[in-house]
Protein backbone atom coordinates (compact mmCIF):
# COMPACT_ATOMS: atom_id res chain seq x y z
CA UNK A 1 -18.98 68.95 107.92
CA UNK A 2 -16.45 67.98 105.30
CA UNK A 3 -14.62 71.31 105.51
CA UNK A 4 -14.62 71.09 109.30
CA UNK A 5 -13.07 67.63 109.18
CA UNK A 6 -10.39 68.81 106.80
CA UNK A 7 -9.63 71.76 109.03
CA UNK A 8 -9.20 69.50 112.06
CA UNK A 9 -6.82 67.31 110.09
CA UNK A 10 -4.56 70.23 109.21
CA UNK A 11 -1.07 70.35 110.70
CA UNK A 12 -1.95 73.40 112.73
CA UNK A 13 -4.61 71.41 114.55
CA UNK A 14 -1.98 68.93 115.70
CA UNK A 15 0.88 71.04 117.02
CA UNK A 16 2.58 68.09 118.67
CA UNK A 17 3.33 66.64 115.23
CA UNK A 18 4.71 69.82 113.72
CA UNK A 19 7.69 70.54 115.91
CA UNK A 20 10.52 72.20 114.04
CA UNK A 21 13.11 69.81 112.66
CA UNK A 22 15.24 72.06 110.50
CA UNK A 23 16.44 74.19 113.46
CA UNK A 24 18.02 71.02 114.89
CA UNK A 25 20.43 70.97 111.93
CA UNK A 26 22.31 74.05 113.12
CA UNK A 27 22.97 72.71 116.63
CA UNK A 28 24.12 69.39 115.14
CA UNK A 29 26.59 71.09 112.79
CA UNK A 30 27.90 73.40 115.50
CA UNK A 31 28.14 70.49 117.90
CA UNK A 32 30.15 68.43 115.40
CA UNK A 33 32.45 71.38 114.69
CA UNK A 34 33.21 72.00 118.34
CA UNK A 35 33.59 68.28 119.01
CA UNK A 36 36.12 68.18 116.17
CA UNK A 37 38.08 70.99 117.80
CA UNK A 38 38.06 69.03 121.05
CA UNK A 39 39.09 65.77 119.38
CA UNK A 40 41.96 67.45 117.50
CA UNK A 41 43.78 68.20 120.74
CA UNK A 42 46.75 66.04 121.84
CA UNK A 43 45.79 62.90 123.79
CA UNK A 44 46.86 64.17 127.22
CA UNK A 45 45.21 67.54 126.70
CA UNK A 46 42.18 65.81 125.21
CA UNK A 47 41.69 63.72 128.35
CA UNK A 48 41.80 66.81 130.54
CA UNK A 49 39.53 68.73 128.17
CA UNK A 50 37.03 65.90 128.13
CA UNK A 51 36.97 65.77 131.90
CA UNK A 52 36.48 69.54 132.04
CA UNK A 53 33.81 69.41 129.34
CA UNK A 54 31.74 66.77 131.11
CA UNK A 55 32.01 68.69 134.38
CA UNK A 56 30.87 71.96 132.79
CA UNK A 57 28.14 70.24 130.76
CA UNK A 58 26.67 68.50 133.79
CA UNK A 59 26.92 71.65 135.90
CA UNK A 60 25.02 73.66 133.25
CA UNK A 61 22.29 71.02 133.11
CA UNK A 62 22.06 70.80 136.90
CA UNK A 63 21.80 74.57 137.09
CA UNK A 64 19.18 74.83 134.34
CA UNK A 65 17.01 71.75 134.92
CA UNK A 66 15.35 72.93 138.17
CA UNK A 67 14.31 76.19 136.53
CA UNK A 68 13.10 74.38 133.42
CA UNK A 69 11.12 71.98 135.61
CA UNK A 70 9.62 74.92 137.50
CA UNK A 71 8.58 76.51 134.22
CA UNK A 72 7.04 73.24 133.02
CA UNK A 73 5.11 72.84 136.28
CA UNK A 74 3.75 76.38 136.04
CA UNK A 75 2.89 75.84 132.37
CA UNK A 76 1.04 72.61 133.17
CA UNK A 77 -0.92 74.15 136.05
CA UNK A 78 -1.91 77.06 133.81
CA UNK A 79 -2.85 74.52 131.12
CA UNK A 80 -5.21 72.66 133.46
CA UNK A 81 -6.62 75.26 135.83
CA UNK A 82 -6.83 78.42 133.67
CA UNK A 83 -9.64 78.85 131.15
CA UNK A 84 -8.59 79.09 127.46
CA UNK A 85 -9.73 82.73 127.17
CA UNK A 86 -8.51 83.88 130.59
CA UNK A 87 -5.73 86.20 129.43
CA UNK A 88 -7.62 87.23 126.31
CA UNK A 89 -10.56 88.45 128.41
CA UNK A 90 -8.18 90.48 130.56
CA UNK A 91 -6.25 91.85 127.59
CA UNK A 92 -9.32 93.32 125.88
CA UNK A 93 -10.02 95.43 128.98
CA UNK A 94 -6.50 96.85 129.25
CA UNK A 95 -4.88 99.41 126.94
CA UNK A 96 -2.01 97.80 125.08
CA UNK A 97 0.72 100.11 126.55
CA UNK A 98 -0.46 99.38 130.10
CA UNK A 99 -0.53 95.65 129.38
CA UNK A 100 3.07 95.75 128.14
CA UNK A 101 4.18 97.67 131.25
CA UNK A 102 2.44 95.13 133.47
CA UNK A 103 4.13 92.28 131.55
CA UNK A 104 7.51 93.98 132.02
CA UNK A 105 6.93 93.98 135.78
CA UNK A 106 5.57 90.43 135.81
CA UNK A 107 8.87 89.03 137.05
CA UNK A 108 8.25 90.63 140.43
CA UNK A 109 5.20 88.39 140.91
CA UNK A 110 6.41 85.38 138.92
CA UNK A 111 10.23 85.37 138.65
CA UNK A 112 11.39 82.58 136.34
CA UNK A 113 14.91 81.94 135.08
CA UNK A 114 15.41 82.11 131.33
CA UNK A 115 15.84 78.32 131.26
CA UNK A 116 12.21 77.76 132.25
CA UNK A 117 10.66 80.70 130.43
CA UNK A 118 9.71 79.17 127.07
CA UNK A 119 7.09 76.65 128.33
CA UNK A 120 5.43 79.36 130.42
CA UNK A 121 5.33 81.93 127.61
CA UNK A 122 3.98 79.39 125.12
CA UNK A 123 1.19 78.44 127.52
CA UNK A 124 0.36 82.07 128.30
CA UNK A 125 -0.10 82.72 124.57
CA UNK A 126 -2.26 79.62 124.25
CA UNK A 127 -4.45 81.05 127.01
CA UNK A 128 -4.91 84.28 125.09
CA UNK A 129 -2.09 86.56 126.26
CA UNK A 130 -1.19 88.89 123.36
CA UNK A 131 2.21 88.03 121.81
CA UNK A 132 3.56 91.52 122.54
CA UNK A 133 2.92 91.07 126.27
CA UNK A 134 4.20 87.48 126.19
CA UNK A 135 7.51 88.42 124.54
CA UNK A 136 7.87 91.36 126.93
CA UNK A 137 7.43 89.04 129.90
CA UNK A 138 9.80 86.48 128.35
CA UNK A 139 12.59 89.06 128.16
CA UNK A 140 11.80 90.80 131.45
CA UNK A 141 11.10 88.08 134.03
CA UNK A 142 14.61 86.51 134.09
CA UNK A 143 16.17 89.86 134.99
CA UNK A 144 13.53 92.23 136.40
CA UNK A 145 12.96 90.41 139.66
CA UNK A 146 14.08 90.79 143.30
CA UNK A 147 16.43 87.78 143.20
CA UNK A 148 18.54 89.18 140.36
CA UNK A 149 18.56 92.63 141.94
CA UNK A 150 19.85 91.20 145.22
CA UNK A 151 22.56 89.11 143.54
CA UNK A 152 23.73 92.11 141.48
CA UNK A 153 23.86 94.37 144.55
CA UNK A 154 25.88 91.69 146.36
CA UNK A 155 28.33 91.34 143.48
CA UNK A 156 28.89 95.14 143.32
CA UNK A 157 28.94 96.28 146.97
CA UNK A 158 30.95 99.41 146.17
CA UNK A 159 28.76 100.34 143.19
CA UNK A 160 25.10 99.94 144.20
CA UNK A 161 24.05 101.90 141.14
CA UNK A 162 24.97 98.86 139.00
CA UNK A 163 21.99 96.93 140.38
CA UNK A 164 19.71 99.92 139.85
CA UNK A 165 21.13 100.42 136.38
CA UNK A 166 20.60 96.79 135.46
CA UNK A 167 16.93 97.02 136.40
CA UNK A 168 16.42 100.41 134.71
CA UNK A 169 18.14 99.48 131.45
CA UNK A 170 16.33 96.14 131.27
CA UNK A 171 12.98 97.84 131.92
CA UNK A 172 13.33 100.31 129.06
CA UNK A 173 14.71 97.64 126.73
CA UNK A 174 11.77 95.28 127.29
CA UNK A 175 9.29 98.14 126.85
CA UNK A 176 10.93 98.86 123.49
CA UNK A 177 10.72 95.19 122.54
CA UNK A 178 7.05 95.04 123.53
CA UNK A 179 6.26 98.11 121.44
CA UNK A 180 8.09 96.71 118.38
CA UNK A 181 6.38 93.32 118.70
CA UNK A 182 2.96 94.99 119.02
CA UNK A 183 3.62 96.78 115.72
CA UNK A 184 4.63 93.50 114.07
CA UNK A 185 1.62 91.58 115.36
CA UNK A 186 -0.77 94.20 113.99
CA UNK A 187 0.44 93.26 110.53
CA UNK A 188 0.72 89.48 110.87
CA UNK A 189 1.22 86.80 113.53
CA UNK A 190 3.03 84.63 110.98
CA UNK A 191 6.21 86.69 111.25
CA UNK A 192 6.37 86.04 114.97
CA UNK A 193 5.00 82.61 115.78
CA UNK A 194 6.15 79.28 114.45
CA UNK A 195 2.60 77.99 114.06
CA UNK A 196 0.04 80.73 113.70
CA UNK A 197 -2.96 78.47 114.39
CA UNK A 198 -1.45 76.24 117.06
CA UNK A 199 -0.39 78.81 119.61
CA UNK A 200 -4.01 78.88 120.77
CA UNK A 201 -5.63 75.90 122.40
CA UNK A 202 -7.86 73.93 120.06
CA UNK A 203 -7.74 70.51 121.69
CA UNK A 204 -10.61 69.17 123.76
CA UNK A 205 -8.14 67.80 126.30
CA UNK A 206 -8.10 71.00 128.35
CA UNK A 207 -9.75 71.22 131.74
CA UNK A 208 -9.43 74.96 132.38
CA UNK A 209 -12.96 75.48 131.07
CA UNK A 210 -14.31 72.44 132.98
CA UNK A 211 -14.18 73.61 136.62
CA UNK A 212 -16.31 70.75 137.95
CA UNK A 213 -13.91 67.97 137.04
CA UNK A 214 -12.43 66.17 140.05
CA UNK A 215 -9.09 67.46 141.24
CA UNK A 216 -7.49 64.04 140.67
CA UNK A 217 -8.38 64.16 136.96
CA UNK A 218 -7.03 67.69 136.61
CA UNK A 219 -3.76 66.70 138.30
CA UNK A 220 -3.48 63.65 136.03
CA UNK A 221 -3.90 65.87 132.98
CA UNK A 222 -1.31 68.27 134.40
CA UNK A 223 1.14 65.40 134.84
CA UNK A 224 0.58 64.24 131.25
CA UNK A 225 1.16 67.78 130.03
CA UNK A 226 4.39 68.01 132.06
CA UNK A 227 5.70 64.91 130.30
CA UNK A 228 4.91 66.35 126.88
CA UNK A 229 6.52 69.72 127.68
CA UNK A 230 9.57 67.98 129.16
CA UNK A 231 10.13 65.90 126.01
CA UNK A 232 9.81 68.98 123.77
CA UNK A 233 12.07 71.36 125.69
CA UNK A 234 14.83 69.21 127.20
CA UNK A 235 16.13 68.30 123.72
CA UNK A 236 16.87 71.95 122.99
CA UNK A 237 18.19 72.64 126.47
CA UNK A 238 20.57 69.66 126.24
CA UNK A 239 21.85 70.82 122.85
CA UNK A 240 22.34 74.32 124.19
CA UNK A 241 24.11 73.12 127.31
CA UNK A 242 26.39 70.85 125.27
CA UNK A 243 27.35 73.60 122.81
CA UNK A 244 27.88 76.08 125.65
CA UNK A 245 30.09 73.63 127.51
CA UNK A 246 32.14 72.99 124.35
CA UNK A 247 32.61 76.73 123.88
CA UNK A 248 33.70 77.20 127.47
CA UNK A 249 36.19 74.32 127.38
CA UNK A 250 37.48 74.42 123.79
CA UNK A 251 38.14 78.14 123.60
CA UNK A 252 40.13 79.82 126.38
CA UNK A 253 38.33 82.74 127.97
CA UNK A 254 41.51 84.75 127.62
CA UNK A 255 41.11 84.40 123.84
CA UNK A 256 37.65 85.96 124.07
CA UNK A 257 38.68 88.66 126.53
CA UNK A 258 41.80 89.60 124.54
CA UNK A 259 40.02 89.46 121.18
CA UNK A 260 40.29 92.48 118.85
CA UNK A 261 36.67 93.48 119.56
CA UNK A 262 37.49 93.88 123.30
CA UNK A 263 38.57 97.50 122.94
CA UNK A 264 36.83 100.69 124.11
CA UNK A 265 35.13 101.15 120.75
CA UNK A 266 33.75 97.61 120.50
CA UNK A 267 33.52 96.49 124.14
CA UNK A 268 29.74 96.27 123.96
CA UNK A 269 29.85 93.87 121.02
CA UNK A 270 32.56 91.82 122.69
CA UNK A 271 30.66 91.45 125.97
CA UNK A 272 27.41 90.68 124.14
CA UNK A 273 29.26 87.88 122.36
CA UNK A 274 30.69 86.68 125.66
CA UNK A 275 27.29 86.77 127.39
CA UNK A 276 25.67 84.89 124.52
CA UNK A 277 28.28 82.11 124.40
CA UNK A 278 28.75 81.64 128.16
CA UNK A 279 24.96 81.41 128.75
CA UNK A 280 25.25 82.20 132.44
CA UNK A 281 22.31 82.14 134.82
CA UNK A 282 20.92 85.60 135.58
CA UNK A 283 21.37 85.04 139.31
CA UNK A 284 25.11 84.41 139.03
CA UNK A 285 26.37 86.37 136.01
CA UNK A 286 26.87 89.54 138.09
CA UNK A 287 29.76 87.89 139.94
CA UNK A 288 31.46 87.15 136.61
CA UNK A 289 30.92 90.74 135.49
CA UNK A 290 32.32 92.05 138.78
CA UNK A 291 35.64 90.36 138.02
CA UNK A 292 36.04 92.66 134.98
CA UNK A 293 35.38 95.96 136.75
CA UNK A 294 39.04 96.96 136.72
CA UNK A 295 39.51 96.49 132.97
CA UNK A 296 36.13 97.20 131.37
CA UNK A 297 33.89 100.27 131.28
CA UNK A 298 30.72 100.29 133.45
CA UNK A 299 28.46 100.75 130.42
CA UNK A 300 29.77 97.61 128.73
CA UNK A 301 29.38 95.67 131.98
CA UNK A 302 25.73 96.76 132.11
CA UNK A 303 25.35 95.56 128.53
CA UNK A 304 26.73 92.17 129.58
CA UNK A 305 24.34 91.98 132.55
CA UNK A 306 21.25 92.93 130.55
CA UNK A 307 21.78 91.09 127.26
CA UNK A 308 22.67 87.66 128.66
CA UNK A 309 19.42 86.91 130.55
CA UNK A 310 17.34 88.05 127.58
CA UNK A 311 19.14 85.98 124.93
CA UNK A 312 21.89 83.41 125.09
CA UNK A 313 22.90 80.28 123.23
CA UNK A 314 20.77 77.71 125.03
CA UNK A 315 17.63 79.84 125.20
CA UNK A 316 17.92 80.65 121.49
CA UNK A 317 17.55 76.96 120.70
CA UNK A 318 14.55 76.72 123.02
CA UNK A 319 12.94 79.78 121.40
CA UNK A 320 12.90 77.84 118.14
CA UNK A 321 10.08 75.68 119.54
CA UNK A 322 7.77 78.72 119.62
CA UNK A 323 9.10 81.55 117.44
CA UNK A 324 10.21 81.75 113.85
CA UNK A 325 13.93 82.11 113.15
CA UNK A 326 13.43 85.46 111.44
CA UNK A 327 11.77 86.84 114.56
CA UNK A 328 14.58 85.51 116.76
CA UNK A 329 17.07 87.27 114.49
CA UNK A 330 15.03 90.47 114.71
CA UNK A 331 14.92 90.18 118.51
CA UNK A 332 18.71 89.72 118.61
CA UNK A 333 19.16 92.78 116.39
CA UNK A 334 16.89 94.91 118.60
CA UNK A 335 18.78 93.82 121.71
CA UNK A 336 22.12 94.47 119.99
CA UNK A 337 21.06 98.06 119.29
CA UNK A 338 19.06 99.10 122.34
CA UNK A 339 20.88 97.36 125.21
CA UNK A 340 24.19 99.21 124.60
CA UNK A 341 22.27 102.43 123.86
CA UNK A 342 20.30 102.45 127.12
CA UNK A 343 23.31 101.22 129.12
CA UNK A 344 25.43 104.07 127.79
CA UNK A 345 22.67 106.61 128.49
CA UNK A 346 22.27 105.40 132.07
CA UNK A 347 26.01 105.58 132.80
CA UNK A 348 26.25 109.05 131.25
CA UNK A 349 23.49 110.23 133.60
CA UNK A 350 24.73 108.54 136.77
CA UNK A 351 28.49 109.04 136.45
């Protein structure tokens, strides 16, 4: 009894009190740096920059908040109506490669923008979905879905293979990520997850395994869970939106486009940097990429279209609520290697 009590009093048993605080230091420092750049401008230019900044900041939040809210609603419904071992019971019956492939195609059934992905993935893992499948779905769903395919085909009417290429490259990239994560998880969950014991549900305040509770009580619990998820995720989204807006307003896009890395040898790195800093929505970034078709190679444009939805500035901050920083760095490194590689291979085959 004594050991059980001590175990329940451990930090892992109370995940709501162990949210990461150190990762907030980096956004604060970056925010202060960019704000200093903005404040150093002349008064007249500063007024115009401030007006532009607030417009961009609000527009990013207005674009992201509905998708974040959708993700929180889905997470809360899963929290209340799905049994704690639901995904775990399914996973043990499926071979791991088939489960990763199914997770890669999950966006077709449940397409969620990257802004609302973190609450859903965290809840899926709490319900027993293996981390390899969860990370695969996290990277795949914002891009491998019919909405993104349609927007890409619309943005490139004279090059329909760009939409096909975006789906194909993203599919093989997320399969590679799922395979790498599965190898990591076999060794230790601690490299991947922020709290190894708290990513599974241990609280008694879950109704997924109590099917006979009245619907009103389940909906009340879902509403309470929505409030908790909203408080945890909006802080990171707001930081990300603020930093993204400061980047977009403080640094001219021409400076990024004309930077030394924007040459045929380093175009992929340049467009990855641009995709990461701009943090565009996956349903609209194709129209931005289409404006560069006359000056940039198709392979680098594919890199831009695939990397951005999988990792950008604002989603990186939100990932810190679930994943360790070293895993996020590893994920960025894998994307940096395999997205340009598969994009280049696809273009070499098609063109």
